[in-house]
Amino acid sequence: QGQLTESGGGLVQAGDSLRLSCTWTGDSFSMCGLGWFRQAPGKEREFLGASGWSGRREYDVGYADSVKGRFTISRDDAAMYLEMNNLKHEDTAVYYCAARGTLCSRRSIYDNSRYFSKISDDYKYWGQGTQVAVSS
């Protein structure tokens, strides 16, 4: 069973850009539905975007309306990335990546773990998170 690791967080100024990475070892989470979430102090966890297997060479990607146009998700077989542009103070939070399953490349194409979801309860594996702080 693999482990998800987020990196790339830090302190930036409003208007800056930041790129977060979510990595894993081996093929633990390749071809799995993967999501980015964040949680600010005193607030509930918020869905940002997700990526899942499309049945073709590229992955399907979906975003929350609140970040569409500013945040971009990309991925390869060993990592998923979150490119964040024009950061705002309200983007300050701990950012998490999550996976719906593991060893998805060995699962049936009908297994839900291969596809992305906007619902946090659909994700079984979570990283420890990386802090992003945006100064105004």
Protein backbone atom coordinates (compact mmCIF):
# COMPACT_ATOMS: atom_id res chain seq x y z
CA GLN A 1 0.00 0.00 0.00
CA GLY A 2 1.46 3.32 -1.05
CA GLN A 3 1.59 6.71 0.57
CA LEU A 4 0.68 10.10 -0.84
CA THR A 5 3.06 12.98 -0.16
CA GLU A 6 2.28 16.62 -0.84
CA SER A 7 4.99 19.24 -1.30
CA GLY A 8 5.48 22.74 -2.64
CA GLY A 9 3.57 24.75 -0.08
CA GLY A 10 4.92 27.91 1.50
CA LEU A 11 4.41 31.59 2.20
CA VAL A 12 3.71 33.76 -0.83
CA GLN A 13 2.27 37.18 -1.56
CA ALA A 14 -1.12 37.88 -3.07
CA GLY A 15 -0.93 37.62 -6.84
CA ASP A 16 1.89 35.08 -6.79
CA SER A 17 1.77 31.57 -8.22
CA LEU A 18 2.59 28.28 -6.58
CA ARG A 19 2.83 24.70 -7.78
CA LEU A 20 1.99 21.85 -5.44
CA SER A 21 3.02 18.26 -6.05
CA CYS A 22 1.48 15.02 -4.89
CA THR A 23 3.80 12.06 -5.29
CA TRP A 24 3.76 8.35 -4.50
CA THR A 25 6.02 5.37 -4.92
CA GLY A 26 5.67 2.66 -7.52
CA ASP A 27 2.31 2.26 -9.21
CA SER A 28 0.35 2.62 -5.97
CA PHE A 29 -1.92 5.37 -7.22
CA SER A 30 -1.29 5.47 -10.95
CA MET A 31 -4.54 5.44 -12.93
CA CYS A 32 -6.53 6.13 -9.74
CA GLY A 33 -9.04 8.89 -9.24
CA LEU A 34 -7.08 11.64 -7.44
CA GLY A 35 -8.29 14.85 -5.89
CA TRP A 36 -7.01 18.11 -4.41
CA PHE A 37 -8.73 19.51 -1.34
CA ARG A 38 -7.94 22.23 1.15
CA GLN A 39 -8.97 23.13 4.65
CA ALA A 40 -8.64 26.55 6.20
CA PRO A 41 -8.75 27.10 9.97
CA GLY A 42 -12.30 26.87 11.26
CA LYS A 43 -13.69 25.82 7.89
CA GLU A 44 -14.77 22.56 6.33
CA ARG A 45 -12.64 20.71 3.84
CA GLU A 46 -13.17 22.10 0.35
CA PHE A 47 -12.93 20.30 -2.97
CA LEU A 48 -10.65 22.05 -5.48
CA GLY A 49 -10.27 19.69 -8.41
CA ALA A 50 -9.69 16.10 -9.37
CA SER A 51 -8.32 13.87 -12.08
CA GLY A 52 -9.29 10.38 -13.14
CA TRP A 53 -8.81 7.76 -15.78
CA SER A 54 -10.56 8.57 -19.04
CA GLY A 55 -9.99 5.35 -20.94
CA ARG A 56 -7.68 7.23 -23.28
CA ARG A 57 -4.07 8.37 -23.05
CA GLU A 58 -4.94 11.59 -21.17
CA TYR A 59 -6.76 11.93 -17.85
CA ASP A 60 -10.11 13.60 -17.23
CA VAL A 61 -9.99 16.68 -14.99
CA GLY A 62 -12.72 18.57 -13.15
CA TYR A 63 -12.64 21.71 -10.98
CA ALA A 64 -14.67 23.46 -8.36
CA ASP A 65 -16.27 26.62 -9.71
CA SER A 66 -14.48 28.65 -7.05
CA VAL A 67 -11.04 27.95 -8.51
CA LYS A 68 -11.81 27.28 -12.16
CA GLY A 69 -9.55 29.41 -14.33
CA ARG A 70 -6.97 30.02 -11.57
CA PHE A 71 -6.01 26.45 -10.62
CA THR A 72 -4.82 23.79 -13.05
CA ILE A 73 -4.33 20.09 -12.41
CA SER A 74 -1.92 17.93 -14.33
CA ARG A 75 -0.56 14.47 -13.68
CA ASP A 76 1.63 11.72 -14.93
CA ASP A 77 2.11 8.14 -13.82
CA ALA A 78 4.06 9.11 -10.70
CA ALA A 79 2.62 12.44 -9.55
CA MET A 80 -0.22 14.92 -9.66
CA TYR A 81 0.29 18.67 -9.66
CA LEU A 82 -1.77 21.71 -8.73
CA GLU A 83 -0.72 24.93 -10.42
CA MET A 84 -2.22 27.90 -8.56
CA ASN A 85 -2.15 31.36 -10.10
CA ASN A 86 -3.12 34.80 -8.84
CA LEU A 87 -3.24 33.58 -5.26
CA LYS A 88 -5.43 35.41 -2.80
CA HIS A 89 -5.34 35.68 0.97
CA GLU A 90 -8.44 33.47 1.14
CA ASP A 91 -6.44 30.66 -0.53
CA THR A 92 -4.55 30.25 2.74
CA ALA A 93 -5.12 26.68 3.92
CA VAL A 94 -3.61 23.24 4.27
CA TYR A 95 -3.76 21.53 0.89
CA TYR A 96 -4.29 17.79 0.61
CA CYS A 97 -4.20 15.28 -2.18
CA ALA A 98 -6.27 12.14 -1.95
CA ALA A 99 -6.83 8.90 -3.87
CA ARG A 100 -10.00 6.88 -4.28
CA GLY A 101 -8.15 3.59 -4.21
CA THR A 102 -4.82 1.94 -4.72
CA LEU A 103 -3.32 -0.27 -7.39
CA CYS A 104 -6.01 0.99 -9.75
CA SER A 105 -4.13 -0.10 -12.86
CA ARG A 106 -4.90 -3.67 -11.80
CA ARG A 107 -8.59 -3.03 -11.28
CA SER A 108 -11.52 -3.38 -13.65
CA ILE A 109 -12.42 -0.39 -15.79
CA TYR A 110 -15.76 -0.51 -13.99
CA ASP A 111 -14.11 0.07 -10.61
CA ASN A 112 -15.02 3.53 -9.29
CA SER A 113 -11.55 4.02 -7.84
CA ARG A 114 -10.29 4.77 -11.36
CA TYR A 115 -12.51 7.84 -11.79
CA PHE A 116 -12.51 11.22 -10.13
CA SER A 117 -15.09 12.44 -7.68
CA LYS A 118 -15.90 15.81 -6.13
CA ILE A 119 -16.97 14.16 -2.87
CA SER A 120 -14.31 13.87 -0.18
CA ASP A 121 -15.91 10.76 1.35
CA ASP A 122 -15.19 8.91 -1.91
CA TYR A 123 -11.45 9.18 -1.23
CA LYS A 124 -9.84 6.50 0.93
CA TYR A 125 -6.21 7.60 1.01
CA TRP A 126 -4.97 11.03 2.07
CA GLY A 127 -1.64 12.75 2.29
CA GLN A 128 -0.46 14.69 5.32
CA GLY A 129 -1.04 18.03 3.65
CA THR A 130 1.12 21.03 2.79
CA GLN A 131 0.54 24.52 4.17
CA VAL A 132 -0.05 27.43 1.82
CA ALA A 133 -0.11 30.91 3.30
CA VAL A 134 -0.87 33.96 1.17
CA SER A 135 -0.11 37.37 2.61
CA SER A 136 -2.34 40.21 1.54
